[in-house]
Protein backbone atom coordinates (compact mmCIF):
# COMPACT_ATOMS: atom_id res chain seq x y z
CA UNK A 1 98.19 101.56 105.61
CA UNK A 2 96.37 98.32 105.00
CA UNK A 3 92.93 97.49 103.60
CA UNK A 4 90.90 94.33 103.02
CA UNK A 5 87.29 93.34 102.53
CA UNK A 6 85.54 90.21 103.72
CA UNK A 7 82.61 89.36 101.45
CA UNK A 8 79.85 87.56 103.32
CA UNK A 9 77.50 84.85 102.10
CA UNK A 10 73.99 84.64 103.57
CA UNK A 11 74.96 81.51 105.56
CA UNK A 12 78.10 83.00 107.11
CA UNK A 13 78.86 82.39 110.76
CA UNK A 14 80.56 85.80 111.06
CA UNK A 15 79.46 88.02 113.94
CA UNK A 16 81.17 91.04 115.45
CA UNK A 17 81.08 89.42 118.88
CA UNK A 18 82.84 86.30 117.60
CA UNK A 19 85.33 88.41 115.63
CA UNK A 20 86.14 90.27 118.86
CA UNK A 21 86.70 86.97 120.67
CA UNK A 22 88.93 85.53 117.93
CA UNK A 23 90.93 88.75 117.61
CA UNK A 24 91.49 88.82 121.38
CA UNK A 25 92.88 85.27 121.16
CA UNK A 26 95.08 86.14 118.18
CA UNK A 27 96.44 89.36 119.70
CA UNK A 28 97.46 88.81 123.32
CA UNK A 29 98.93 92.00 124.76
CA UNK A 30 96.94 94.21 122.40
CA UNK A 31 93.88 96.23 123.41
CA UNK A 32 90.68 94.96 121.77
CA UNK A 33 87.67 97.30 121.87
CA UNK A 34 84.23 96.75 120.39
CA UNK A 35 81.57 99.36 119.75
CA UNK A 36 78.43 98.45 117.77
CA UNK A 37 79.59 96.80 114.52
CA UNK A 38 83.29 97.68 114.88
CA UNK A 39 86.29 96.10 116.62
CA UNK A 40 89.58 97.96 117.09
CA UNK A 41 92.89 96.23 117.75
CA UNK A 42 95.48 98.62 119.19
CA UNK A 43 98.96 98.63 120.62
CA UNK A 44 100.78 101.88 121.27
CA UNK A 45 100.09 104.31 118.45
CA UNK A 46 99.20 101.60 115.92
CA UNK A 47 95.66 100.35 115.30
CA UNK A 48 93.66 98.30 112.84
CA UNK A 49 89.87 98.22 112.70
CA UNK A 50 87.32 95.68 111.52
CA UNK A 51 83.69 96.67 110.88
CA UNK A 52 80.60 95.05 109.40
CA UNK A 53 78.78 97.13 106.80
CA UNK A 54 75.42 96.41 105.20
CA UNK A 55 73.19 98.74 103.22
CA UNK A 56 72.08 99.31 99.63
CA UNK A 57 75.33 101.09 98.73
CA UNK A 58 77.36 98.14 100.04
CA UNK A 59 75.28 95.68 98.01
CA UNK A 60 75.93 97.72 94.85
CA UNK A 61 79.67 97.86 95.57
CA UNK A 62 79.77 94.11 96.14
CA UNK A 63 78.01 93.52 92.84
CA UNK A 64 80.60 95.66 91.06
CA UNK A 65 83.49 93.92 92.81
CA UNK A 66 82.64 90.21 92.62
CA UNK A 67 82.45 90.16 88.84
CA UNK A 68 86.14 91.06 88.70
CA UNK A 69 87.56 88.56 91.17
CA UNK A 70 89.30 85.63 89.53
CA UNK A 71 87.97 82.24 90.57
CA UNK A 72 84.58 83.42 91.84
CA UNK A 73 81.87 81.53 89.99
CA UNK A 74 78.64 83.32 88.98
CA UNK A 75 76.52 81.41 91.55
CA UNK A 76 79.00 82.22 94.30
CA UNK A 77 79.08 85.89 93.23
CA UNK A 78 75.27 86.00 93.36
CA UNK A 79 75.36 84.71 96.95
CA UNK A 80 77.72 87.50 98.05
CA UNK A 81 75.51 90.09 96.33
CA UNK A 82 72.36 88.61 97.93
CA UNK A 83 73.90 88.91 101.40
CA UNK A 84 74.47 92.63 100.80
CA UNK A 85 77.03 92.81 103.60
CA UNK A 86 80.77 92.87 104.03
CA UNK A 87 83.47 93.21 106.64
CA UNK A 88 85.93 96.03 106.15
CA UNK A 89 89.45 95.93 107.59
CA UNK A 90 91.62 99.04 107.58
CA UNK A 91 94.22 101.17 109.24
CA UNK A 92 95.27 104.67 108.25
CA UNK A 93 98.51 104.46 110.22
CA UNK A 94 101.49 104.48 107.84
CA UNK A 95 103.78 101.47 108.20
CA UNK A 96 106.78 102.30 105.98
CA UNK A 97 109.04 99.71 107.61
CA UNK A 98 106.26 97.07 107.55
CA UNK A 99 106.52 96.57 111.30
CA UNK A 100 102.81 95.72 111.45
CA UNK A 101 102.43 93.73 108.24
CA UNK A 102 102.27 90.44 110.16
CA UNK A 103 99.57 91.94 112.41
CA UNK A 104 97.56 92.79 109.28
CA UNK A 105 98.04 89.23 107.99
CA UNK A 106 96.90 87.86 111.35
CA UNK A 107 93.66 89.87 111.08
CA UNK A 108 93.13 88.42 107.60
CA UNK A 109 93.66 84.91 109.00
CA UNK A 110 91.00 85.61 111.63
CA UNK A 111 88.63 86.72 108.85
CA UNK A 112 89.37 83.60 106.84
CA UNK A 113 88.48 81.45 109.85
CA UNK A 114 84.80 82.29 109.40
CA UNK A 115 82.56 80.11 107.26
CA UNK A 116 81.00 81.94 104.32
CA UNK A 117 83.54 84.78 104.23
CA UNK A 118 85.85 85.50 101.30
CA UNK A 119 88.79 87.82 102.12
CA UNK A 120 89.60 90.13 99.21
CA UNK A 121 92.20 92.79 98.46
CA UNK A 122 90.05 95.68 97.17
CA UNK A 123 92.90 97.28 95.22
CA UNK A 124 94.08 94.16 93.41
CA UNK A 125 90.59 92.62 93.31
CA UNK A 126 92.06 89.32 94.31
CA UNK A 127 91.43 86.73 96.99
CA UNK A 128 93.70 86.94 100.03
């Protein structure tokens, strides 16, 4: 099971449509499906999802998170809070042999390819 968050700045170039396109390029042979603000990458019985979330609850969670991430300056933290949006990456499929760890890392690389997006490990509160 893998999790990550992409914090968005107001000037980000991230869109779900572009994320779908980049994921399709990064994962040939996988099935890529988009519905509303979510993209699923699947192959066999394994999947990983990416979704954009934005509401008051998300803004509050971002505010609580950015203050604890090493290397994020106060002005930069304020920009993430002002955007009030994030990208969530997750899978609930156990991967005890880490067969899909590289797939997870590839999704993170796709996230990091967007301007104005900071990929974060929500458990460690560190930059990916």
